[in-house]
Amino acid sequence: MPVETHTGTNEFGMIEEARSFEHSGPYLALLKWGSACKQLILYTILIDVFLAPWGLASTTQAHSVGLAVLALLGKAVLLGCVVAVVDNTFAKLRLFKITEFVSAAFLFAVLAVFTLYLGGG
């Protein structure tokens, strides 16, 4: 059985990954760095706004900001562990459910053909 990973192949249809095929050297490093910065910002917004809005700095004092950074790192590690466990748990399950998705798509296609021809369309 083939095992898919998120780092195994790059599809040309993906916008973020297709840009890296055109660059090399320092420009590729800048693209990777920008992508990592964008992912960090979105990850921080997800954690601090939607999932766990506790532990934010209420003042600009150094100890308050330091505690907020430690809280953010702790929340990020916890969320990363949860995502890794869920991703590894459901990877094989998705592979076994492909036949169900294909059969459901085929039945919907047959239903669409019947609706087209019997519905007068």
C-alpha atoms as a PDB file:
ATOM      1  CA  MET A   1       0.000   0.000   0.000  1.00  0.00           C
ATOM      2  CA  PRO A   2       1.328   3.453  -0.786  1.00  0.00           C
ATOM      3  CA  VAL A   3       1.884   5.756   2.152  1.00  0.00           C
ATOM      4  CA  GLU A   4       1.389   9.442   1.537  1.00  0.00           C
ATOM      5  CA  THR A   5       3.169  12.153   3.445  1.00  0.00           C
ATOM      6  CA  HIS A   6       2.713  15.886   3.231  1.00  0.00           C
ATOM      7  CA  THR A   7       6.380  16.326   2.288  1.00  0.00           C
ATOM      8  CA  GLY A   8       6.643  13.526  -0.267  1.00  0.00           C
ATOM      9  CA  THR A   9       5.612  15.247  -3.468  1.00  0.00           C
ATOM     10  CA  ASN A  10       4.975  18.754  -4.705  1.00  0.00           C
ATOM     11  CA  GLU A  11       2.065  19.171  -7.031  1.00  0.00           C
ATOM     12  CA  PHE A  12       2.310  21.861  -9.659  1.00  0.00           C
ATOM     13  CA  GLY A  13      -1.257  22.906  -8.914  1.00  0.00           C
ATOM     14  CA  MET A  14      -0.389  24.152  -5.453  1.00  0.00           C
ATOM     15  CA  ILE A  15       0.385  27.849  -5.583  1.00  0.00           C
ATOM     16  CA  GLU A  16       2.634  28.016  -2.523  1.00  0.00           C
ATOM     17  CA  GLU A  17       4.804  25.058  -3.526  1.00  0.00           C
ATOM     18  CA  ALA A  18       4.938  25.775  -7.258  1.00  0.00           C
ATOM     19  CA  ARG A  19       6.733  29.083  -6.698  1.00  0.00           C
ATOM     20  CA  SER A  20       9.746  27.283  -5.258  1.00  0.00           C
ATOM     21  CA  PHE A  21      10.392  25.457  -8.538  1.00  0.00           C
ATOM     22  CA  GLU A  22      11.407  28.744 -10.183  1.00  0.00           C
ATOM     23  CA  HIS A  23      13.950  29.886  -7.593  1.00  0.00           C
ATOM     24  CA  SER A  24      17.150  28.645  -5.998  1.00  0.00           C
ATOM     25  CA  GLY A  25      19.797  29.922  -3.622  1.00  0.00           C
ATOM     26  CA  PRO A  26      19.089  33.003  -1.528  1.00  0.00           C
ATOM     27  CA  TYR A  27      15.796  33.744  -3.277  1.00  0.00           C
ATOM     28  CA  LEU A  28      14.488  30.272  -2.439  1.00  0.00           C
ATOM     29  CA  ALA A  29      15.609  30.801   1.161  1.00  0.00           C
ATOM     30  CA  LEU A  30      13.680  34.078   1.272  1.00  0.00           C
ATOM     31  CA  LEU A  31      10.575  32.368  -0.127  1.00  0.00           C
ATOM     32  CA  LYS A  32      10.828  29.599   2.478  1.00  0.00           C
ATOM     33  CA  TRP A  33      11.409  32.138   5.230  1.00  0.00           C
ATOM     34  CA  GLY A  34       8.411  34.204   4.138  1.00  0.00           C
ATOM     35  CA  SER A  35       6.248  31.103   4.014  1.00  0.00           C
ATOM     36  CA  ALA A  36       7.355  30.130   7.520  1.00  0.00           C
ATOM     37  CA  CYS A  37       6.634  33.666   8.799  1.00  0.00           C
ATOM     38  CA  LYS A  38       3.166  33.623   7.258  1.00  0.00           C
ATOM     39  CA  GLN A  39       2.459  30.216   8.787  1.00  0.00           C
ATOM     40  CA  LEU A  40       3.698  31.417  12.201  1.00  0.00           C
ATOM     41  CA  ILE A  41       1.439  34.475  12.085  1.00  0.00           C
ATOM     42  CA  LEU A  42      -1.633  32.468  11.082  1.00  0.00           C
ATOM     43  CA  TYR A  43      -0.816  29.802  13.679  1.00  0.00           C
ATOM     44  CA  THR A  44      -0.497  32.474  16.376  1.00  0.00           C
ATOM     45  CA  ILE A  45      -3.804  34.049  15.365  1.00  0.00           C
ATOM     46  CA  LEU A  46      -5.486  30.630  15.430  1.00  0.00           C
ATOM     47  CA  ILE A  47      -4.152  29.857  18.874  1.00  0.00           C
ATOM     48  CA  ASP A  48      -4.616  33.258  20.528  1.00  0.00           C
ATOM     49  CA  VAL A  49      -7.944  34.264  19.016  1.00  0.00           C
ATOM     50  CA  PHE A  50      -9.918  31.090  18.396  1.00  0.00           C
ATOM     51  CA  LEU A  51      -8.562  28.244  20.532  1.00  0.00           C
ATOM     52  CA  ALA A  52      -7.013  29.550  23.751  1.00  0.00           C
ATOM     53  CA  PRO A  53      -7.242  33.314  24.300  1.00  0.00           C
ATOM     54  CA  TRP A  54      -5.705  33.092  27.792  1.00  0.00           C
ATOM     55  CA  GLY A  55      -2.132  34.015  28.652  1.00  0.00           C
ATOM     56  CA  LEU A  56      -1.937  37.193  26.575  1.00  0.00           C
ATOM     57  CA  ALA A  57       0.120  40.163  27.772  1.00  0.00           C
ATOM     58  CA  SER A  58      -2.031  42.939  29.198  1.00  0.00           C
ATOM     59  CA  THR A  59       0.845  45.418  29.530  1.00  0.00           C
ATOM     60  CA  THR A  60       4.083  46.094  27.672  1.00  0.00           C
ATOM     61  CA  GLN A  61       6.321  45.278  30.634  1.00  0.00           C
ATOM     62  CA  ALA A  62       9.093  42.777  29.995  1.00  0.00           C
ATOM     63  CA  HIS A  63       7.929  40.108  32.456  1.00  0.00           C
ATOM     64  CA  SER A  64       4.346  40.259  31.152  1.00  0.00           C
ATOM     65  CA  VAL A  65       5.489  39.898  27.537  1.00  0.00           C
ATOM     66  CA  GLY A  66       7.897  37.103  28.531  1.00  0.00           C
ATOM     67  CA  LEU A  67       5.107  35.174  30.238  1.00  0.00           C
ATOM     68  CA  ALA A  68       2.891  35.684  27.181  1.00  0.00           C
ATOM     69  CA  VAL A  69       5.628  34.320  24.906  1.00  0.00           C
ATOM     70  CA  LEU A  70       6.054  31.278  27.177  1.00  0.00           C
ATOM     71  CA  ALA A  71       2.282  30.748  27.211  1.00  0.00           C
ATOM     72  CA  LEU A  72       2.196  30.991  23.405  1.00  0.00           C
ATOM     73  CA  LEU A  73       5.016  28.456  23.076  1.00  0.00           C
ATOM     74  CA  GLY A  74       3.249  26.094  25.470  1.00  0.00           C
ATOM     75  CA  LYS A  75      -0.034  26.397  23.584  1.00  0.00           C
ATOM     76  CA  ALA A  76       1.766  25.905  20.258  1.00  0.00           C
ATOM     77  CA  VAL A  77       3.506  22.749  21.488  1.00  0.00           C
ATOM     78  CA  LEU A  78       0.222  21.390  22.832  1.00  0.00           C
ATOM     79  CA  LEU A  79      -1.651  22.157  19.604  1.00  0.00           C
ATOM     80  CA  GLY A  80       1.201  20.710  17.541  1.00  0.00           C
ATOM     81  CA  CYS A  81       1.055  17.449  19.499  1.00  0.00           C
ATOM     82  CA  VAL A  82      -2.719  17.256  19.043  1.00  0.00           C
ATOM     83  CA  VAL A  83      -2.425  17.888  15.294  1.00  0.00           C
ATOM     84  CA  ALA A  84       0.344  15.270  14.962  1.00  0.00           C
ATOM     85  CA  VAL A  85      -1.671  12.627  16.816  1.00  0.00           C
ATOM     86  CA  VAL A  86      -4.818  13.306  14.781  1.00  0.00           C
ATOM     87  CA  ASP A  87      -2.887  13.374  11.497  1.00  0.00           C
ATOM     88  CA  ASN A  88      -1.100  10.105  12.209  1.00  0.00           C
ATOM     89  CA  THR A  89      -4.269   8.442  13.476  1.00  0.00           C
ATOM     90  CA  PHE A  90      -6.416   9.287  10.475  1.00  0.00           C
ATOM     91  CA  ALA A  91      -3.811   8.827   7.721  1.00  0.00           C
ATOM     92  CA  LYS A  92      -4.546   5.145   7.178  1.00  0.00           C
ATOM     93  CA  LEU A  93      -8.255   5.643   7.785  1.00  0.00           C
ATOM     94  CA  ARG A  94      -8.438   8.074   4.866  1.00  0.00           C
ATOM     95  CA  LEU A  95      -6.628   5.564   2.661  1.00  0.00           C
ATOM     96  CA  PHE A  96      -9.175   2.865   3.440  1.00  0.00           C
ATOM     97  CA  LYS A  97     -12.134   5.207   2.885  1.00  0.00           C
ATOM     98  CA  ILE A  98     -11.136   6.092  -0.677  1.00  0.00           C
ATOM     99  CA  THR A  99     -13.313   3.304  -2.082  1.00  0.00           C
ATOM    100  CA  GLU A 100     -16.342   4.692  -0.233  1.00  0.00           C
ATOM    101  CA  PHE A 101     -15.748   8.186  -1.604  1.00  0.00           C
ATOM    102  CA  VAL A 102     -15.293   6.884  -5.161  1.00  0.00           C
ATOM    103  CA  SER A 103     -18.444   4.761  -4.967  1.00  0.00           C
ATOM    104  CA  ALA A 104     -20.451   7.706  -3.575  1.00  0.00           C
ATOM    105  CA  ALA A 105     -19.142   9.933  -6.388  1.00  0.00           C
ATOM    106  CA  PHE A 106     -20.097   7.298  -8.950  1.00  0.00           C
ATOM    107  CA  LEU A 107     -23.621   7.012  -7.530  1.00  0.00           C
ATOM    108  CA  PHE A 108     -24.012  10.802  -7.598  1.00  0.00           C
ATOM    109  CA  ALA A 109     -22.836  10.844 -11.218  1.00  0.00           C
ATOM    110  CA  VAL A 110     -25.380   8.139 -12.162  1.00  0.00           C
ATOM    111  CA  LEU A 111     -28.094  10.062 -10.325  1.00  0.00           C
ATOM    112  CA  ALA A 112     -27.118  13.234 -12.223  1.00  0.00           C
ATOM    113  CA  VAL A 113     -27.311  11.413 -15.575  1.00  0.00           C
ATOM    114  CA  PHE A 114     -30.727   9.983 -14.715  1.00  0.00           C
ATOM    115  CA  THR A 115     -31.943  13.390 -13.591  1.00  0.00           C
ATOM    116  CA  LEU A 116     -30.671  14.982 -16.775  1.00  0.00           C
ATOM    117  CA  TYR A 117     -32.330  12.510 -19.134  1.00  0.00           C
ATOM    118  CA  LEU A 118     -35.500  11.739 -17.196  1.00  0.00           C
ATOM    119  CA  GLY A 119     -36.044  15.295 -16.062  1.00  0.00           C
ATOM    120  CA  GLY A 120     -36.294  16.558 -19.623  1.00  0.00           C
ATOM    121  CA  GLY A 121     -33.062  18.448 -19.448  1.00  0.00           C
END
